[in-house]
Amino acid sequence: MILTVTPNAALDVTYHVPTLRPGAAHRVTDVAVRAGGKGVNVARVLHALGHETLVTGLAGGREIQDDLAAAGIAERLVSVTTPARRTVTVVSGDGAATAFNEQGPPVAARDWERLAAVFPTLADRAEVVVLSGSLPPGLPADAYARLIGATTTPVVLDASGPALLGGVPAGPRLVKPNAEELAEATGTGDPLAGAARLRAHGAGAVVASLGPDGLVAVTGEGVWRARSRPRTGNPTGAGDACVAALAAGLAAGADWPVVLADAVALSAAAVACPLAGDVDLDVYRRLAPLIEVEGPHADTDR
């Protein structure tokens, strides 16, 4: 079982419009509302691939739990009294996606303690734990570090800013920033140097997504690169699909070339879908054998 933790779960609202023009009124051609947040999206992808998953985290109201139940995804979310935050993504006809992510309401200390109390039992049942997304107001910057320190189960950390920097010293097995998040956290635009800095601070391996340039993995075995031809579509769920592949590969004990090829292919399969958390399995199966993976190289290579 793979456990995903989303401290800042949300209702994802996706609007589709023919074109997006700032300052203009828009006619929405299609709208979707469903449970979201990065860890929830990771669980959706894993569920689609046939993996057993369990979702936990903090969620307001009942809409998130009800939607997961309808999708057949198991959850042990900690309910809070504040309303669920919303994320709004506007997708235009050319595939460009513009996101508006609410910060979310403050979380009471007692609700955080409830999540921290239930987490070790859930994590000990899992093969891999995925900690994903932002921390809502009220949670300490080292919240992820506390969760990582509460289990011996391998952890994949997908966060940014203070949440990423606060969690790395606790020793997650794998960290997955994108290029922008990596540069912001480490102060360098060189992905290899940035990844090396995160490893020096406690991360076991760093897999950075570089957009059209694919993935670079800086590991104890050296540096790996995985590339695919750029694809058009909605990129909002690509990072979560990548994390799902990394978690599944870690659970299976797969080698880096296999894990990274799956991660690139599954990311592309997410871009092909209109909603974050969905993947086109035909695209994934077709692309996975075609992904080029290079390495390992010495981590001084550029």
Protein backbone atom coordinates (compact mmCIF):
# COMPACT_ATOMS: atom_id res chain seq x y z
CA MET A 1 0.00 0.00 0.00
CA ILE A 2 1.16 3.55 -0.78
CA LEU A 3 0.06 6.23 1.67
CA THR A 4 -0.35 9.79 0.39
CA VAL A 5 -0.52 12.69 2.83
CA THR A 6 -2.10 16.00 1.80
CA PRO A 7 -2.08 18.49 4.68
CA ASN A 8 -3.82 21.09 2.49
CA ALA A 9 -6.43 19.04 0.62
CA ALA A 10 -8.71 21.00 -1.70
CA LEU A 11 -11.63 20.98 -4.04
CA ASP A 12 -10.16 21.35 -7.52
CA VAL A 13 -12.27 23.47 -9.85
CA THR A 14 -11.33 23.35 -13.54
CA TYR A 15 -12.82 25.77 -16.07
CA HIS A 16 -12.36 25.33 -19.81
CA VAL A 17 -12.62 28.42 -22.01
CA PRO A 18 -11.88 28.92 -25.73
CA THR A 19 -9.38 31.71 -24.99
CA LEU A 20 -8.19 33.45 -21.82
CA ARG A 21 -8.08 37.25 -22.01
CA PRO A 22 -7.20 39.22 -18.86
CA GLY A 23 -9.81 41.84 -18.03
CA ALA A 24 -12.48 40.21 -20.21
CA ALA A 25 -15.63 38.21 -19.43
CA HIS A 26 -15.41 34.53 -20.37
CA ARG A 27 -17.98 31.90 -21.26
CA VAL A 28 -17.02 28.61 -19.61
CA THR A 29 -17.54 25.66 -21.94
CA ASP A 30 -16.95 22.98 -19.31
CA VAL A 31 -16.45 22.84 -15.54
CA ALA A 32 -15.34 20.05 -13.20
CA VAL A 33 -15.20 20.02 -9.40
CA ARG A 34 -13.58 17.20 -7.47
CA ALA A 35 -11.29 16.30 -4.58
CA GLY A 36 -7.75 17.51 -5.12
CA GLY A 37 -4.52 18.65 -3.61
CA LYS A 38 -1.23 17.14 -4.72
CA GLY A 39 -1.34 13.99 -2.61
CA VAL A 40 -4.92 13.27 -3.65
CA ASN A 41 -3.90 13.60 -7.31
CA VAL A 42 -0.99 11.20 -6.72
CA ALA A 43 -3.41 8.70 -5.20
CA ARG A 44 -5.75 9.01 -8.20
CA VAL A 45 -2.92 8.15 -10.58
CA LEU A 46 -1.76 5.21 -8.44
CA HIS A 47 -5.36 3.96 -8.22
CA ALA A 48 -5.68 4.13 -12.01
CA LEU A 49 -2.51 2.03 -12.29
CA GLY A 50 -3.96 -0.60 -9.97
CA HIS A 51 -1.94 0.16 -6.83
CA GLU A 52 -3.50 -0.02 -3.39
CA THR A 53 -3.55 3.49 -1.93
CA LEU A 54 -4.72 5.30 1.17
CA VAL A 55 -5.25 9.06 1.40
CA THR A 56 -4.80 11.00 4.61
CA GLY A 57 -4.37 14.65 5.49
CA LEU A 58 -6.60 17.52 6.60
CA ALA A 59 -9.91 18.29 4.88
CA GLY A 60 -12.80 20.62 5.62
CA GLY A 61 -16.43 19.67 5.01
CA ARG A 62 -17.47 16.35 3.49
CA GLU A 63 -17.16 17.00 -0.24
CA ILE A 64 -13.58 15.76 -0.51
CA GLN A 65 -14.30 12.52 1.34
CA ASP A 66 -17.50 11.93 -0.62
CA ASP A 67 -15.74 12.42 -3.95
CA LEU A 68 -12.96 10.00 -3.02
CA ALA A 69 -15.52 7.42 -1.96
CA ALA A 70 -17.28 7.79 -5.32
CA ALA A 71 -13.94 7.21 -7.07
CA GLY A 72 -13.23 4.09 -4.99
CA ILE A 73 -10.16 5.61 -3.31
CA ALA A 74 -9.71 4.74 0.36
CA GLU A 75 -9.17 7.62 2.79
CA ARG A 76 -8.47 8.32 6.42
CA LEU A 77 -8.65 12.10 6.24
CA VAL A 78 -8.79 14.14 9.43
CA SER A 79 -11.87 16.36 9.25
CA VAL A 80 -11.54 19.99 10.27
CA THR A 81 -14.33 22.49 10.88
CA THR A 82 -13.17 25.10 8.37
CA PRO A 83 -14.44 24.90 4.77
CA ALA A 84 -12.35 23.12 2.17
CA ARG A 85 -10.03 25.40 0.25
CA ARG A 86 -10.47 25.61 -3.51
CA THR A 87 -8.00 25.64 -6.35
CA VAL A 88 -9.20 27.04 -9.65
CA THR A 89 -7.51 26.17 -12.95
CA VAL A 90 -8.55 27.88 -16.19
CA VAL A 91 -7.59 25.88 -19.27
CA SER A 92 -7.78 27.67 -22.61
CA GLY A 93 -8.23 26.12 -26.01
CA ASP A 94 -4.49 26.15 -26.73
CA GLY A 95 -3.86 23.96 -23.66
CA ALA A 96 -2.40 26.72 -21.49
CA ALA A 97 -3.41 26.39 -17.82
CA THR A 98 -3.71 29.30 -15.37
CA ALA A 99 -4.05 28.30 -11.71
CA PHE A 100 -5.43 30.21 -8.73
CA ASN A 101 -4.62 28.36 -5.50
CA GLU A 102 -6.24 29.48 -2.27
CA GLN A 103 -3.93 29.43 0.72
CA GLY A 104 -6.54 27.67 2.81
CA PRO A 105 -7.91 28.54 6.25
CA PRO A 106 -5.71 28.33 9.36
CA VAL A 107 -5.49 24.88 10.95
CA ALA A 108 -5.97 24.60 14.70
CA ALA A 109 -3.11 23.03 16.66
CA ARG A 110 -5.42 20.26 17.88
CA ASP A 111 -6.24 19.22 14.29
CA TRP A 112 -2.56 19.05 13.36
CA GLU A 113 -1.93 16.92 16.45
CA ARG A 114 -4.74 14.58 15.41
CA LEU A 115 -3.08 14.05 12.03
CA ALA A 116 0.35 13.62 13.59
CA ALA A 117 -1.10 11.05 16.01
CA VAL A 118 -2.74 8.86 13.36
CA PHE A 119 0.10 9.11 10.85
CA PRO A 120 2.61 6.60 12.35
CA THR A 121 0.09 3.74 12.36
CA LEU A 122 -0.94 4.43 8.76
CA ALA A 123 2.67 4.86 7.61
CA ASP A 124 3.80 1.62 9.21
CA ARG A 125 1.23 -0.23 7.07
CA ALA A 126 2.60 1.32 3.88
CA GLU A 127 5.46 0.37 1.56
CA VAL A 128 6.03 4.04 0.66
CA VAL A 129 4.70 7.34 2.03
CA VAL A 130 4.19 10.38 -0.19
CA LEU A 131 4.10 13.80 1.51
CA SER A 132 2.75 16.31 -0.98
CA GLY A 133 1.91 19.96 -1.34
CA SER A 134 1.75 23.13 0.67
CA LEU A 135 1.29 23.40 4.41
CA PRO A 136 -1.83 25.31 5.47
CA PRO A 137 -1.53 28.29 7.81
CA GLY A 138 -1.11 27.13 11.40
CA LEU A 139 1.20 24.20 10.70
CA PRO A 140 4.86 24.54 11.70
CA ALA A 141 7.49 24.79 8.96
CA ASP A 142 8.97 21.48 10.15
CA ALA A 143 5.64 19.63 9.97
CA TYR A 144 6.92 17.35 7.22
CA ALA A 145 10.10 16.69 9.19
CA ARG A 146 8.01 15.56 12.14
CA LEU A 147 6.08 13.11 9.97
CA ILE A 148 9.24 11.79 8.31
CA GLY A 149 10.80 11.26 11.72
CA ALA A 150 7.76 9.33 12.94
CA THR A 151 8.19 6.40 10.52
CA THR A 152 10.84 4.11 9.10
CA THR A 153 8.85 3.71 5.87
CA PRO A 154 10.57 5.30 2.84
CA VAL A 155 9.21 8.79 2.18
CA VAL A 156 8.84 10.75 -1.05
CA LEU A 157 8.63 14.50 -0.36
CA ASP A 158 7.03 16.78 -2.97
CA ALA A 159 6.90 20.30 -1.58
CA SER A 160 8.31 23.76 -2.13
CA GLY A 161 9.63 26.72 -0.19
CA PRO A 162 9.73 26.48 3.60
CA ALA A 163 7.82 23.16 3.57
CA LEU A 164 10.56 21.61 1.41
CA LEU A 165 13.44 23.12 3.34
CA GLY A 166 11.84 22.16 6.65
CA GLY A 167 11.38 18.54 5.60
CA VAL A 168 14.72 17.74 3.95
CA PRO A 169 16.83 17.59 7.16
CA ALA A 170 14.66 14.68 8.39
CA GLY A 171 16.04 12.47 5.61
CA PRO A 172 13.30 11.69 3.06
CA ARG A 173 14.31 8.89 0.73
CA LEU A 174 13.47 10.99 -2.33
CA VAL A 175 12.61 14.65 -3.00
CA LYS A 176 10.84 15.80 -6.20
CA PRO A 177 10.98 19.56 -6.87
CA ASN A 178 10.52 21.19 -10.25
CA ALA A 179 13.24 23.46 -11.62
CA GLU A 180 11.69 26.64 -10.21
CA GLU A 181 11.13 25.12 -6.77
CA LEU A 182 14.67 23.76 -6.71
CA ALA A 183 16.18 27.13 -7.63
CA GLU A 184 14.06 28.94 -5.03
CA ALA A 185 15.01 26.49 -2.27
CA THR A 186 18.74 26.35 -3.00
CA GLY A 187 19.55 29.75 -4.49
CA THR A 188 21.08 28.33 -7.67
CA GLY A 189 19.68 27.92 -11.16
CA ASP A 190 21.90 24.90 -11.81
CA PRO A 191 19.71 21.82 -11.17
CA LEU A 192 22.70 19.57 -10.45
CA ALA A 193 24.18 21.98 -7.93
CA GLY A 194 20.77 22.56 -6.35
CA ALA A 195 20.07 18.84 -6.07
CA ALA A 196 23.51 18.29 -4.53
CA ARG A 197 22.71 20.91 -1.90
CA LEU A 198 19.44 19.18 -0.98
CA ARG A 199 21.27 15.87 -0.70
CA ALA A 200 23.89 17.48 1.52
CA HIS A 201 21.09 18.65 3.82
CA GLY A 202 19.51 15.20 4.14
CA ALA A 203 17.64 14.11 0.99
CA GLY A 204 18.55 10.61 -0.14
CA ALA A 205 17.94 11.34 -3.84
CA VAL A 206 16.60 14.33 -5.75
CA VAL A 207 14.53 14.00 -8.91
CA ALA A 208 13.96 17.40 -10.52
CA SER A 209 11.42 17.92 -13.28
CA LEU A 210 12.78 20.28 -15.94
CA GLY A 211 9.68 20.75 -18.07
CA PRO A 212 10.39 19.98 -21.74
CA ASP A 213 13.91 18.86 -20.79
CA GLY A 214 12.52 15.87 -18.85
CA LEU A 215 13.93 14.73 -15.52
CA VAL A 216 17.31 14.74 -13.84
CA ALA A 217 17.92 12.43 -10.88
CA VAL A 218 20.85 13.07 -8.55
CA THR A 219 21.36 9.92 -6.50
CA GLY A 220 24.00 8.07 -4.53
CA GLU A 221 24.77 6.15 -7.74
CA GLY A 222 25.33 9.30 -9.81
CA VAL A 223 23.26 11.43 -12.16
CA TRP A 224 20.55 10.11 -14.46
CA ARG A 225 18.67 12.01 -17.16
CA ALA A 226 15.40 11.03 -18.80
CA ARG A 227 13.92 12.83 -21.79
CA SER A 228 10.89 12.71 -24.03
CA ARG A 229 9.62 14.91 -26.83
CA PRO A 230 7.50 17.82 -25.49
CA ARG A 231 3.74 17.30 -25.62
CA THR A 232 0.92 19.81 -25.71
CA GLY A 233 -2.00 19.70 -23.28
CA ASN A 234 -2.80 20.53 -19.66
CA PRO A 235 0.40 20.35 -17.57
CA THR A 236 -1.20 20.88 -14.13
CA GLY A 237 -1.18 17.20 -13.15
CA ALA A 238 2.15 16.22 -14.68
CA GLY A 239 4.16 16.67 -11.50
CA ASP A 240 1.75 14.59 -9.44
CA ALA A 241 1.82 11.81 -12.06
CA CYS A 242 5.61 11.90 -11.91
CA VAL A 243 5.51 11.50 -8.12
CA ALA A 244 3.09 8.58 -8.46
CA ALA A 245 5.57 6.80 -10.75
CA LEU A 246 8.47 7.49 -8.41
CA ALA A 247 6.53 6.15 -5.42
CA ALA A 248 5.43 3.04 -7.31
CA GLY A 249 8.98 2.41 -8.49
CA LEU A 250 10.34 2.84 -4.97
CA ALA A 251 7.75 0.40 -3.63
CA ALA A 252 8.68 -2.14 -6.28
CA GLY A 253 12.43 -1.74 -5.78
CA ALA A 254 12.85 -0.89 -9.47
CA ASP A 255 16.12 0.38 -10.93
CA TRP A 256 16.51 4.07 -11.75
CA PRO A 257 16.21 3.68 -15.55
CA VAL A 258 12.86 1.93 -15.16
CA VAL A 259 11.60 4.38 -12.54
CA LEU A 260 12.56 7.47 -14.52
CA ALA A 261 11.18 6.15 -17.82
CA ASP A 262 7.89 5.46 -16.09
CA ALA A 263 7.90 8.92 -14.48
CA VAL A 264 8.44 10.72 -17.79
CA ALA A 265 5.86 8.59 -19.61
CA LEU A 266 3.27 8.98 -16.88
CA SER A 267 3.81 12.75 -16.80
CA ALA A 268 3.14 12.89 -20.54
CA ALA A 269 0.05 10.75 -20.03
CA ALA A 270 -1.21 13.32 -17.52
CA VAL A 271 -0.63 16.23 -19.91
CA ALA A 272 -2.90 14.43 -22.36
CA CYS A 273 -5.83 14.65 -19.91
CA PRO A 274 -7.97 17.70 -19.07
CA LEU A 275 -7.99 17.19 -15.27
CA ALA A 276 -5.14 16.90 -12.77
CA GLY A 277 -5.04 13.38 -11.34
CA ASP A 278 -6.09 11.72 -14.58
CA VAL A 279 -3.73 9.87 -16.93
CA ASP A 280 -4.18 8.44 -20.41
CA LEU A 281 -3.00 4.87 -19.82
CA ASP A 282 -2.69 4.17 -23.56
CA VAL A 283 -0.28 7.10 -23.91
CA TYR A 284 1.66 5.89 -20.86
CA ARG A 285 2.01 2.32 -22.11
CA ARG A 286 3.04 3.48 -25.57
CA LEU A 287 5.64 5.97 -24.38
CA ALA A 288 7.28 4.13 -21.46
CA PRO A 289 9.44 1.81 -23.65
CA LEU A 290 10.53 4.78 -25.79
CA ILE A 291 11.89 7.06 -23.07
CA GLU A 292 15.65 7.62 -23.26
CA VAL A 293 17.44 7.38 -19.92
CA GLU A 294 21.14 8.27 -19.66
CA GLY A 295 23.43 7.52 -16.74
CA PRO A 296 24.71 7.10 -14.24
CA HIS A 297 27.22 9.91 -14.67
CA ALA A 298 29.41 11.50 -12.04
CA ASP A 299 27.48 14.24 -10.28
CA THR A 300 29.98 16.83 -11.52
CA ASP A 301 28.76 16.36 -15.10
CA ARG A 302 26.76 19.20 -16.68
